[in-house]
């Protein structure tokens, strides 16, 4: 792995996996075992490094989810695959969403692109069709999307609080998370 990739992987690990939302370029350099000047050489600033790392992570997840969305499988199977892909990434990088929200609120960088995803449009059309068929409860299709992502993301994002508040061991928490897929499917399908 070259130094630039090492820096990106280290930053991704610190930001999205360990939750060091305000990691400095020095902390990233120390963790990667490189000189801080290399970060400035490749990325010019922590913000540009973050934007690069975030964009790559989002593109990777989007690519995986787009494959699921365009797959020619029954809708329920598609949702099962969607949950598998999203939850795997969410558990790998549990702080990515929190980090994104923090960055959006402070710098508004992630909202610059206003182009709508064709995969998302396709998915929302499919959701609408499934509502018409009665497979899922009728509502505004966006509400379906809100519910789906909330059911997947919220328990992971809130894990530190839930584990402390409910006195859950890591093993018990992991068991509960492993049960989420079936619970989500039972919740969203008629």
N, C-alpha and C. Protein backbone atom coordinates (compact mmCIF):
# COMPACT_ATOMS: atom_id res chain seq x y z
N UNK A 1 0.86 -1.18 0.00
CA UNK A 1 0.00 0.00 0.00
C UNK A 1 0.90 1.23 0.00
N UNK A 2 0.63 2.16 -0.92
CA UNK A 2 1.46 3.36 -0.97
C UNK A 2 1.08 4.31 0.17
N UNK A 3 1.87 5.33 0.40
CA UNK A 3 1.68 6.26 1.53
C UNK A 3 0.35 7.00 1.45
N UNK A 4 -0.02 7.44 0.26
CA UNK A 4 -1.29 8.16 0.11
C UNK A 4 -2.46 7.28 0.52
N UNK A 5 -2.46 6.03 0.06
CA UNK A 5 -3.53 5.10 0.42
C UNK A 5 -3.49 4.79 1.91
N UNK A 6 -2.32 4.64 2.46
CA UNK A 6 -2.16 4.38 3.89
C UNK A 6 -2.77 5.52 4.71
N UNK A 7 -2.50 6.74 4.31
CA UNK A 7 -3.06 7.92 5.01
C UNK A 7 -4.58 7.90 4.91
N UNK A 8 -5.12 7.62 3.73
CA UNK A 8 -6.57 7.59 3.57
C UNK A 8 -7.21 6.49 4.42
N UNK A 9 -6.62 5.30 4.40
CA UNK A 9 -7.16 4.19 5.20
C UNK A 9 -7.08 4.49 6.69
N UNK A 10 -5.99 5.10 7.11
CA UNK A 10 -5.84 5.46 8.53
C UNK A 10 -6.87 6.51 8.93
N UNK A 11 -7.05 7.51 8.09
CA UNK A 11 -8.04 8.56 8.37
C UNK A 11 -9.44 7.96 8.44
N UNK A 12 -9.75 7.08 7.50
CA UNK A 12 -11.06 6.43 7.49
C UNK A 12 -11.29 5.65 8.78
N UNK A 13 -10.27 4.94 9.20
CA UNK A 13 -10.35 4.16 10.43
C UNK A 13 -10.57 5.07 11.65
N UNK A 14 -9.82 6.15 11.73
CA UNK A 14 -9.95 7.07 12.86
C UNK A 14 -11.30 7.79 12.85
N UNK A 15 -11.67 8.34 11.70
CA UNK A 15 -12.92 9.10 11.61
C UNK A 15 -14.15 8.20 11.77
N UNK A 16 -14.23 7.16 10.97
CA UNK A 16 -15.47 6.41 10.82
C UNK A 16 -15.58 5.17 11.70
N UNK A 17 -14.46 4.56 12.07
CA UNK A 17 -14.52 3.36 12.89
C UNK A 17 -14.33 3.69 14.36
N UNK A 18 -13.32 4.47 14.68
CA UNK A 18 -13.03 4.76 16.09
C UNK A 18 -13.77 5.99 16.60
N UNK A 19 -14.33 6.78 15.69
CA UNK A 19 -15.13 7.92 16.11
C UNK A 19 -14.34 9.14 16.53
N UNK A 20 -13.09 9.24 16.10
CA UNK A 20 -12.30 10.43 16.43
C UNK A 20 -12.67 11.53 15.43
N UNK A 21 -13.82 12.13 15.70
CA UNK A 21 -14.40 13.07 14.76
C UNK A 21 -13.53 14.29 14.50
N UNK A 22 -12.69 14.62 15.46
CA UNK A 22 -11.87 15.82 15.31
C UNK A 22 -10.38 15.47 15.25
N UNK A 23 -10.07 14.29 14.75
CA UNK A 23 -8.66 13.89 14.63
C UNK A 23 -7.90 14.92 13.81
N UNK A 24 -6.74 15.29 14.32
CA UNK A 24 -5.91 16.27 13.63
C UNK A 24 -5.02 15.58 12.60
N UNK A 25 -4.42 16.37 11.74
CA UNK A 25 -3.49 15.79 10.77
C UNK A 25 -2.32 15.14 11.49
N UNK A 26 -1.91 15.70 12.62
CA UNK A 26 -0.80 15.10 13.39
C UNK A 26 -1.21 13.74 13.94
N UNK A 27 -2.42 13.63 14.47
CA UNK A 27 -2.90 12.35 15.00
C UNK A 27 -3.02 11.31 13.88
N UNK A 28 -3.48 11.74 12.73
CA UNK A 28 -3.58 10.82 11.58
C UNK A 28 -2.19 10.37 11.16
N UNK A 29 -1.27 11.32 11.07
CA UNK A 29 0.11 11.00 10.68
C UNK A 29 0.74 10.03 11.68
N UNK A 30 0.56 10.30 12.97
CA UNK A 30 1.13 9.42 14.00
C UNK A 30 0.56 8.01 13.89
N UNK A 31 -0.75 7.91 13.72
CA UNK A 31 -1.39 6.60 13.62
C UNK A 31 -0.92 5.85 12.36
N UNK A 32 -0.70 6.59 11.27
CA UNK A 32 -0.24 5.97 10.02
C UNK A 32 1.26 5.71 10.01
N UNK A 33 1.96 6.34 10.95
CA UNK A 33 3.41 6.18 10.99
C UNK A 33 4.12 6.94 9.88
N UNK A 34 3.56 8.10 9.53
CA UNK A 34 4.17 8.93 8.49
C UNK A 34 4.38 10.35 9.03
N UNK A 35 5.14 11.12 8.31
CA UNK A 35 5.37 12.51 8.66
C UNK A 35 4.13 13.33 8.27
N UNK A 36 3.75 14.28 9.12
CA UNK A 36 2.57 15.10 8.86
C UNK A 36 2.68 15.85 7.53
N UNK A 37 3.87 16.19 7.12
CA UNK A 37 4.03 16.92 5.86
C UNK A 37 3.53 16.10 4.67
N UNK A 38 3.54 14.76 4.79
CA UNK A 38 3.01 13.92 3.71
C UNK A 38 1.50 14.13 3.54
N UNK A 39 0.80 14.33 4.63
CA UNK A 39 -0.65 14.59 4.54
C UNK A 39 -0.88 15.89 3.79
N UNK A 40 -0.09 16.90 4.14
CA UNK A 40 -0.22 18.18 3.45
C UNK A 40 0.20 18.07 1.99
N UNK A 41 1.18 17.24 1.71
CA UNK A 41 1.63 17.04 0.34
C UNK A 41 0.52 16.42 -0.51
N UNK A 42 -0.10 15.36 0.01
CA UNK A 42 -1.13 14.66 -0.75
C UNK A 42 -2.49 15.35 -0.72
N UNK A 43 -2.83 15.98 0.40
CA UNK A 43 -4.21 16.46 0.57
C UNK A 43 -4.36 17.94 0.91
N UNK A 44 -3.28 18.62 1.22
CA UNK A 44 -3.27 20.05 1.54
C UNK A 44 -3.86 20.42 2.89
N UNK A 45 -4.90 19.69 3.36
CA UNK A 45 -5.51 20.01 4.66
C UNK A 45 -6.30 18.81 5.16
N UNK A 46 -6.64 18.86 6.44
CA UNK A 46 -7.46 17.82 7.04
C UNK A 46 -8.82 17.78 6.36
N UNK A 47 -9.39 18.95 6.06
CA UNK A 47 -10.71 18.99 5.43
C UNK A 47 -10.71 18.34 4.06
N UNK A 48 -9.66 18.60 3.26
CA UNK A 48 -9.58 17.96 1.94
C UNK A 48 -9.35 16.46 2.07
N UNK A 49 -8.56 16.05 3.07
CA UNK A 49 -8.37 14.62 3.32
C UNK A 49 -9.71 14.00 3.69
N UNK A 50 -10.42 14.64 4.61
CA UNK A 50 -11.73 14.11 5.00
C UNK A 50 -12.66 14.00 3.80
N UNK A 51 -12.73 15.05 3.00
CA UNK A 51 -13.63 15.03 1.84
C UNK A 51 -13.27 13.90 0.89
N UNK A 52 -11.98 13.68 0.69
CA UNK A 52 -11.54 12.59 -0.19
C UNK A 52 -11.94 11.24 0.39
N UNK A 53 -11.66 11.05 1.66
CA UNK A 53 -11.96 9.78 2.32
C UNK A 53 -13.47 9.55 2.36
N UNK A 54 -14.20 10.59 2.70
CA UNK A 54 -15.64 10.46 2.77
C UNK A 54 -16.24 10.15 1.40
N UNK A 55 -15.81 10.89 0.38
CA UNK A 55 -16.33 10.69 -0.97
C UNK A 55 -16.06 9.26 -1.44
N UNK A 56 -14.86 8.75 -1.19
CA UNK A 56 -14.54 7.38 -1.59
C UNK A 56 -15.39 6.36 -0.84
N UNK A 57 -15.59 6.59 0.46
CA UNK A 57 -16.39 5.67 1.26
C UNK A 57 -17.84 5.67 0.78
N UNK A 58 -18.37 6.84 0.49
CA UNK A 58 -19.76 6.96 0.02
C UNK A 58 -19.90 6.32 -1.35
N UNK A 59 -18.94 6.58 -2.22
CA UNK A 59 -19.00 5.99 -3.57
C UNK A 59 -18.95 4.46 -3.51
N UNK A 60 -18.12 3.92 -2.61
CA UNK A 60 -18.04 2.48 -2.46
C UNK A 60 -19.38 1.92 -1.97
N UNK A 61 -19.96 2.54 -0.94
CA UNK A 61 -21.24 2.08 -0.42
C UNK A 61 -22.33 2.25 -1.48
N UNK A 62 -22.34 3.38 -2.16
CA UNK A 62 -23.33 3.65 -3.20
C UNK A 62 -23.25 2.60 -4.30
N UNK A 63 -22.05 2.25 -4.71
CA UNK A 63 -21.86 1.24 -5.74
C UNK A 63 -22.45 -0.10 -5.30
N UNK A 64 -22.18 -0.48 -4.06
CA UNK A 64 -22.71 -1.74 -3.54
C UNK A 64 -24.24 -1.71 -3.47
N UNK A 65 -24.79 -0.60 -2.98
CA UNK A 65 -26.24 -0.49 -2.86
C UNK A 65 -26.92 -0.39 -4.22
N UNK A 66 -26.28 0.29 -5.16
CA UNK A 66 -26.85 0.39 -6.51
C UNK A 66 -26.97 -1.00 -7.15
N UNK A 67 -25.98 -1.85 -6.93
CA UNK A 67 -26.06 -3.22 -7.46
C UNK A 67 -27.28 -3.94 -6.90
N UNK A 68 -27.53 -3.73 -5.62
CA UNK A 68 -28.69 -4.36 -4.99
C UNK A 68 -29.98 -3.77 -5.58
N UNK A 69 -30.04 -2.45 -5.67
CA UNK A 69 -31.24 -1.77 -6.17
C UNK A 69 -31.59 -2.23 -7.58
N UNK A 70 -30.59 -2.39 -8.43
CA UNK A 70 -30.84 -2.78 -9.82
C UNK A 70 -30.90 -4.29 -10.01
N UNK A 71 -30.71 -5.05 -8.94
CA UNK A 71 -30.75 -6.51 -9.08
C UNK A 71 -32.17 -6.95 -9.44
N UNK A 72 -32.23 -8.01 -10.21
CA UNK A 72 -33.52 -8.52 -10.68
C UNK A 72 -34.00 -9.64 -9.76
N UNK A 73 -34.23 -9.29 -8.51
CA UNK A 73 -34.73 -10.25 -7.53
C UNK A 73 -36.03 -9.69 -6.96
N UNK A 74 -36.85 -10.55 -6.37
CA UNK A 74 -38.08 -10.05 -5.75
C UNK A 74 -37.77 -8.97 -4.71
N UNK A 75 -38.73 -8.07 -4.51
CA UNK A 75 -38.53 -6.90 -3.66
C UNK A 75 -38.08 -7.27 -2.25
N UNK A 76 -38.70 -8.28 -1.65
CA UNK A 76 -38.31 -8.68 -0.29
C UNK A 76 -36.84 -9.12 -0.26
N UNK A 77 -36.41 -9.90 -1.25
CA UNK A 77 -35.01 -10.33 -1.33
C UNK A 77 -34.09 -9.12 -1.50
N UNK A 78 -34.56 -8.16 -2.28
CA UNK A 78 -33.78 -6.95 -2.50
C UNK A 78 -33.57 -6.19 -1.19
N UNK A 79 -34.63 -6.09 -0.41
CA UNK A 79 -34.53 -5.40 0.88
C UNK A 79 -33.61 -6.18 1.82
N UNK A 80 -33.69 -7.50 1.79
CA UNK A 80 -32.80 -8.32 2.62
C UNK A 80 -31.34 -8.04 2.25
N UNK A 81 -31.04 -8.04 0.95
CA UNK A 81 -29.68 -7.75 0.49
C UNK A 81 -29.26 -6.33 0.86
N UNK A 82 -30.18 -5.39 0.71
CA UNK A 82 -29.92 -3.99 1.05
C UNK A 82 -29.53 -3.88 2.52
N UNK A 83 -30.30 -4.53 3.39
CA UNK A 83 -30.00 -4.51 4.82
C UNK A 83 -28.63 -5.13 5.08
N UNK A 84 -28.34 -6.26 4.44
CA UNK A 84 -27.04 -6.92 4.62
C UNK A 84 -25.89 -5.99 4.26
N UNK A 85 -25.97 -5.36 3.10
CA UNK A 85 -24.89 -4.49 2.63
C UNK A 85 -24.75 -3.27 3.54
N UNK A 86 -25.86 -2.62 3.81
CA UNK A 86 -25.81 -1.38 4.60
C UNK A 86 -25.34 -1.66 6.03
N UNK A 87 -25.89 -2.71 6.65
CA UNK A 87 -25.51 -3.03 8.04
C UNK A 87 -24.04 -3.44 8.13
N UNK A 88 -23.56 -4.18 7.15
CA UNK A 88 -22.14 -4.57 7.16
C UNK A 88 -21.25 -3.33 7.15
N UNK A 89 -21.57 -2.38 6.29
CA UNK A 89 -20.79 -1.13 6.22
C UNK A 89 -20.97 -0.29 7.48
N UNK A 90 -22.19 -0.25 7.98
CA UNK A 90 -22.48 0.53 9.18
C UNK A 90 -21.73 -0.02 10.39
N UNK A 91 -21.67 -1.32 10.51
CA UNK A 91 -20.95 -1.93 11.63
C UNK A 91 -19.44 -1.77 11.46
N UNK A 92 -18.97 -1.75 10.21
CA UNK A 92 -17.55 -1.53 9.95
C UNK A 92 -17.15 -0.09 10.27
N UNK A 93 -18.03 0.87 9.94
CA UNK A 93 -17.77 2.29 10.15
C UNK A 93 -18.94 2.93 10.91
N UNK A 94 -19.09 2.62 12.20
CA UNK A 94 -20.26 3.07 12.94
C UNK A 94 -20.38 4.58 13.14
N UNK A 95 -19.28 5.31 12.96
CA UNK A 95 -19.33 6.75 13.18
C UNK A 95 -19.42 7.56 11.90
N UNK A 96 -19.52 6.91 10.75
CA UNK A 96 -19.54 7.64 9.49
C UNK A 96 -20.73 8.60 9.41
N UNK A 97 -21.91 8.14 9.78
CA UNK A 97 -23.09 9.00 9.70
C UNK A 97 -22.98 10.18 10.66
N UNK A 98 -22.52 9.91 11.89
CA UNK A 98 -22.34 11.00 12.87
C UNK A 98 -21.33 12.01 12.35
N UNK A 99 -20.27 11.50 11.77
CA UNK A 99 -19.23 12.39 11.25
C UNK A 99 -19.78 13.23 10.10
N UNK A 100 -20.54 12.62 9.24
CA UNK A 100 -21.14 13.33 8.12
C UNK A 100 -22.04 14.46 8.62
N UNK A 101 -22.91 14.15 9.58
CA UNK A 101 -23.83 15.16 10.10
C UNK A 101 -23.05 16.32 10.72
N UNK A 102 -22.02 16.00 11.47
CA UNK A 102 -21.19 17.05 12.07
C UNK A 102 -20.57 17.93 11.00
N UNK A 103 -20.03 17.32 9.97
CA UNK A 103 -19.38 18.08 8.91
C UNK A 103 -20.39 18.90 8.10
N UNK A 104 -21.55 18.33 7.83
CA UNK A 104 -22.58 19.06 7.08
C UNK A 104 -23.00 20.30 7.86
N UNK A 105 -23.22 20.12 9.15
CA UNK A 105 -23.68 21.24 9.98
C UNK A 105 -22.61 22.32 10.12
N UNK A 106 -21.35 21.92 10.15
CA UNK A 106 -20.30 22.91 10.37
C UNK A 106 -19.77 23.55 9.09
N UNK A 107 -19.74 22.79 7.99
CA UNK A 107 -19.12 23.32 6.77
C UNK A 107 -20.00 23.23 5.53
N UNK A 108 -21.04 22.44 5.60
CA UNK A 108 -21.98 22.30 4.50
C UNK A 108 -21.35 21.77 3.21
N UNK A 109 -20.20 21.08 3.32
CA UNK A 109 -19.51 20.65 2.10
C UNK A 109 -20.25 19.53 1.37
N UNK A 110 -20.91 18.65 2.09
CA UNK A 110 -21.50 17.46 1.47
C UNK A 110 -22.78 17.77 0.72
N UNK A 111 -23.32 18.95 0.88
CA UNK A 111 -24.58 19.27 0.23
C UNK A 111 -24.40 20.02 -1.08
N UNK A 112 -23.17 20.17 -1.53
CA UNK A 112 -22.92 20.93 -2.76
C UNK A 112 -23.51 20.26 -3.99
N UNK A 113 -23.48 18.93 -4.02
CA UNK A 113 -23.98 18.21 -5.20
C UNK A 113 -25.49 18.02 -5.05
N UNK A 114 -26.25 18.53 -5.99
CA UNK A 114 -27.71 18.47 -5.91
C UNK A 114 -28.30 17.47 -6.90
N UNK A 115 -27.47 16.78 -7.65
CA UNK A 115 -27.95 15.83 -8.65
C UNK A 115 -28.58 14.63 -7.94
N UNK A 116 -29.79 14.29 -8.36
CA UNK A 116 -30.49 13.17 -7.77
C UNK A 116 -29.96 11.85 -8.33
N UNK A 117 -29.83 10.88 -7.47
CA UNK A 117 -29.36 9.57 -7.85
C UNK A 117 -30.41 8.83 -8.68
N UNK A 118 -30.02 8.34 -9.84
CA UNK A 118 -30.95 7.57 -10.66
C UNK A 118 -31.33 6.26 -9.96
N UNK A 119 -30.40 5.70 -9.21
CA UNK A 119 -30.70 4.47 -8.47
C UNK A 119 -31.74 4.75 -7.39
N UNK A 120 -31.63 5.90 -6.74
CA UNK A 120 -32.61 6.26 -5.71
C UNK A 120 -33.99 6.47 -6.33
N UNK A 121 -34.03 7.14 -7.46
CA UNK A 121 -35.31 7.34 -8.16
C UNK A 121 -35.92 5.99 -8.53
N UNK A 122 -35.08 5.09 -9.06
CA UNK A 122 -35.53 3.74 -9.42
C UNK A 122 -36.08 3.02 -8.19
N UNK A 123 -35.35 3.11 -7.09
CA UNK A 123 -35.76 2.44 -5.85
C UNK A 123 -37.08 3.00 -5.34
N UNK A 124 -37.23 4.31 -5.36
CA UNK A 124 -38.47 4.93 -4.87
C UNK A 124 -39.66 4.53 -5.75
N UNK A 125 -39.43 4.39 -7.06
CA UNK A 125 -40.49 3.90 -7.95
C UNK A 125 -40.88 2.48 -7.59
N UNK A 126 -39.88 1.67 -7.27
CA UNK A 126 -40.14 0.29 -6.90
C UNK A 126 -40.90 0.22 -5.57
N UNK A 127 -40.53 1.08 -4.63
CA UNK A 127 -41.24 1.16 -3.35
C UNK A 127 -42.70 1.52 -3.58
N UNK A 128 -42.94 2.50 -4.43
CA UNK A 128 -44.31 2.92 -4.75
C UNK A 128 -45.10 1.75 -5.34
N UNK A 129 -44.49 1.02 -6.26
CA UNK A 129 -45.14 -0.14 -6.87
C UNK A 129 -45.48 -1.20 -5.82
N UNK A 130 -44.55 -1.45 -4.91
CA UNK A 130 -44.80 -2.46 -3.86
C UNK A 130 -45.90 -2.00 -2.90
N UNK A 131 -46.00 -0.70 -2.68
CA UNK A 131 -47.10 -0.18 -1.86
C UNK A 131 -48.43 -0.42 -2.55
N UNK A 132 -48.45 -0.21 -3.87
CA UNK A 132 -49.69 -0.43 -4.66
C UNK A 132 -50.09 -1.90 -4.60
N UNK A 133 -49.10 -2.80 -4.62
CA UNK A 133 -49.37 -4.24 -4.56
C UNK A 133 -49.81 -4.68 -3.17
N UNK A 134 -49.52 -3.87 -2.16
CA UNK A 134 -49.86 -4.24 -0.79
C UNK A 134 -48.76 -4.99 -0.06
N UNK A 135 -47.59 -5.09 -0.68
CA UNK A 135 -46.46 -5.78 -0.05
C UNK A 135 -46.00 -5.04 1.19
N UNK A 136 -46.01 -3.72 1.10
CA UNK A 136 -45.65 -2.86 2.23
C UNK A 136 -46.76 -1.83 2.44
N UNK A 137 -46.83 -1.33 3.65
CA UNK A 137 -47.88 -0.36 4.01
C UNK A 137 -47.78 0.89 3.15
N UNK A 138 -48.94 1.38 2.73
CA UNK A 138 -48.97 2.61 1.92
C UNK A 138 -48.65 3.81 2.79
N UNK A 139 -47.78 4.65 2.24
CA UNK A 139 -47.42 5.92 2.86
C UNK A 139 -46.65 6.70 1.81
N UNK A 140 -46.16 7.82 2.17
CA UNK A 140 -45.25 8.55 1.29
C UNK A 140 -44.01 7.67 1.13
N UNK A 141 -43.57 7.35 -0.07
CA UNK A 141 -42.38 6.48 -0.23
C UNK A 141 -41.15 6.96 0.54
N UNK A 142 -41.04 8.27 0.70
CA UNK A 142 -39.91 8.79 1.48
C UNK A 142 -39.99 8.30 2.93
N UNK A 143 -41.21 8.17 3.45
CA UNK A 143 -41.37 7.66 4.82
C UNK A 143 -40.84 6.22 4.92
N UNK A 144 -41.06 5.43 3.88
CA UNK A 144 -40.51 4.07 3.86
C UNK A 144 -38.99 4.13 3.97
N UNK A 145 -38.39 5.02 3.18
CA UNK A 145 -36.94 5.17 3.20
C UNK A 145 -36.46 5.63 4.58
N UNK A 146 -37.13 6.63 5.15
CA UNK A 146 -36.79 7.09 6.50
C UNK A 146 -36.83 5.93 7.49
N UNK A 147 -37.91 5.15 7.43
CA UNK A 147 -38.06 4.03 8.36
C UNK A 147 -36.98 2.99 8.17
N UNK A 148 -36.72 2.63 6.93
CA UNK A 148 -35.72 1.60 6.64
C UNK A 148 -34.36 2.02 7.20
N UNK A 149 -33.92 3.23 6.88
CA UNK A 149 -32.61 3.67 7.35
C UNK A 149 -32.59 3.88 8.86
N UNK A 150 -33.67 4.36 9.42
CA UNK A 150 -33.73 4.54 10.87
C UNK A 150 -33.61 3.20 11.58
N UNK A 151 -34.34 2.21 11.10
CA UNK A 151 -34.29 0.89 11.72
C UNK A 151 -32.90 0.27 11.64
N UNK A 152 -32.19 0.57 10.57
CA UNK A 152 -30.83 0.03 10.43
C UNK A 152 -29.82 0.85 11.22
N UNK A 153 -29.82 2.15 11.05
CA UNK A 153 -28.73 2.99 11.55
C UNK A 153 -28.83 3.38 13.01
N UNK A 154 -30.02 3.70 13.48
CA UNK A 154 -30.15 4.28 14.81
C UNK A 154 -29.56 3.40 15.92
N UNK A 155 -29.85 2.09 15.94
CA UNK A 155 -29.27 1.27 17.01
C UNK A 155 -27.73 1.21 16.98
N UNK A 156 -27.15 1.37 15.81
CA UNK A 156 -25.68 1.35 15.70
C UNK A 156 -25.10 2.69 16.11
N UNK A 157 -25.71 3.77 15.62
CA UNK A 157 -25.23 5.11 15.97
C UNK A 157 -25.35 5.34 17.47
N UNK A 158 -26.40 4.83 18.08
CA UNK A 158 -26.65 5.04 19.50
C UNK A 158 -26.04 3.96 20.39
N UNK A 159 -25.23 3.08 19.84
CA UNK A 159 -24.69 1.95 20.59
C UNK A 159 -24.00 2.36 21.90
N UNK A 160 -23.13 3.36 21.91
CA UNK A 160 -22.49 3.69 23.19
C UNK A 160 -23.50 4.05 24.28
N UNK A 161 -24.52 4.81 23.92
CA UNK A 161 -25.55 5.20 24.90
C UNK A 161 -26.38 3.99 25.31
N UNK A 162 -26.85 3.21 24.35
CA UNK A 162 -27.66 2.04 24.68
C UNK A 162 -26.89 1.05 25.54
N UNK A 163 -25.65 0.80 25.19
CA UNK A 163 -24.86 -0.18 25.96
C UNK A 163 -24.71 0.28 27.40
N UNK A 164 -24.48 1.56 27.59
CA UNK A 164 -24.30 2.09 28.95
C UNK A 164 -25.65 2.15 29.68
N UNK A 165 -26.64 2.75 29.05
CA UNK A 165 -27.95 2.95 29.67
C UNK A 165 -28.62 1.62 30.03
N UNK A 166 -28.52 0.65 29.13
CA UNK A 166 -29.19 -0.64 29.33
C UNK A 166 -28.26 -1.71 29.89
N UNK A 167 -27.03 -1.31 30.23
CA UNK A 167 -26.03 -2.22 30.80
C UNK A 167 -25.88 -3.48 29.95
N UNK A 168 -25.64 -3.25 28.64
CA UNK A 168 -25.49 -4.36 27.71
C UNK A 168 -24.02 -4.69 27.51
N UNK A 169 -23.70 -5.96 27.60
CA UNK A 169 -22.34 -6.38 27.27
C UNK A 169 -22.17 -6.26 25.77
N UNK A 170 -20.93 -6.26 25.31
CA UNK A 170 -20.67 -6.20 23.88
C UNK A 170 -21.31 -7.41 23.18
N UNK A 171 -21.23 -8.58 23.82
CA UNK A 171 -21.79 -9.80 23.25
C UNK A 171 -23.31 -9.70 23.12
N UNK A 172 -23.98 -9.20 24.17
CA UNK A 172 -25.44 -9.07 24.13
C UNK A 172 -25.85 -8.05 23.07
N UNK A 173 -25.13 -6.94 23.01
CA UNK A 173 -25.42 -5.92 22.00
C UNK A 173 -25.27 -6.51 20.59
N UNK A 174 -24.17 -7.23 20.35
CA UNK A 174 -23.94 -7.84 19.04
C UNK A 174 -25.04 -8.84 18.68
N UNK A 175 -25.53 -9.58 19.66
CA UNK A 175 -26.63 -10.52 19.43
C UNK A 175 -27.88 -9.76 19.01
N UNK A 176 -28.18 -8.66 19.71
CA UNK A 176 -29.35 -7.85 19.37
C UNK A 176 -29.22 -7.28 17.96
N UNK A 177 -28.04 -6.81 17.60
CA UNK A 177 -27.82 -6.26 16.26
C UNK A 177 -27.97 -7.35 15.20
N UNK A 178 -27.49 -8.54 15.50
CA UNK A 178 -27.61 -9.66 14.55
C UNK A 178 -29.09 -10.01 14.30
N UNK A 179 -29.94 -9.75 15.29
CA UNK A 179 -31.36 -10.04 15.15
C UNK A 179 -32.11 -8.93 14.41
N UNK A 180 -31.47 -7.81 14.15
CA UNK A 180 -32.13 -6.65 13.55
C UNK A 180 -32.75 -6.95 12.19
N UNK A 181 -32.06 -7.68 11.34
CA UNK A 181 -32.54 -7.90 9.97
C UNK A 181 -33.94 -8.49 9.98
N UNK A 182 -34.14 -9.55 10.75
CA UNK A 182 -35.46 -10.20 10.77
C UNK A 182 -36.50 -9.28 11.39
N UNK A 183 -36.12 -8.52 12.39
CA UNK A 183 -37.04 -7.58 13.01
C UNK A 183 -37.43 -6.47 12.03
N UNK A 184 -36.46 -5.97 11.29
CA UNK A 184 -36.73 -4.93 10.29
C UNK A 184 -37.68 -5.46 9.22
N UNK A 185 -37.41 -6.65 8.73
CA UNK A 185 -38.27 -7.23 7.69
C UNK A 185 -39.70 -7.41 8.21
N UNK A 186 -39.84 -7.89 9.45
CA UNK A 186 -41.16 -8.08 10.04
C UNK A 186 -41.87 -6.74 10.23
N UNK A 187 -41.11 -5.69 10.46
CA UNK A 187 -41.68 -4.37 10.69
C UNK A 187 -42.17 -3.72 9.40
N UNK A 188 -41.43 -3.88 8.32
CA UNK A 188 -41.76 -3.12 7.11
C UNK A 188 -42.64 -3.87 6.10
N UNK A 189 -42.71 -5.19 6.22
CA UNK A 189 -43.54 -5.94 5.26
C UNK A 189 -44.87 -6.31 5.87
N UNK A 190 -45.91 -6.25 5.04
CA UNK A 190 -47.26 -6.64 5.51
C UNK A 190 -47.34 -8.16 5.65
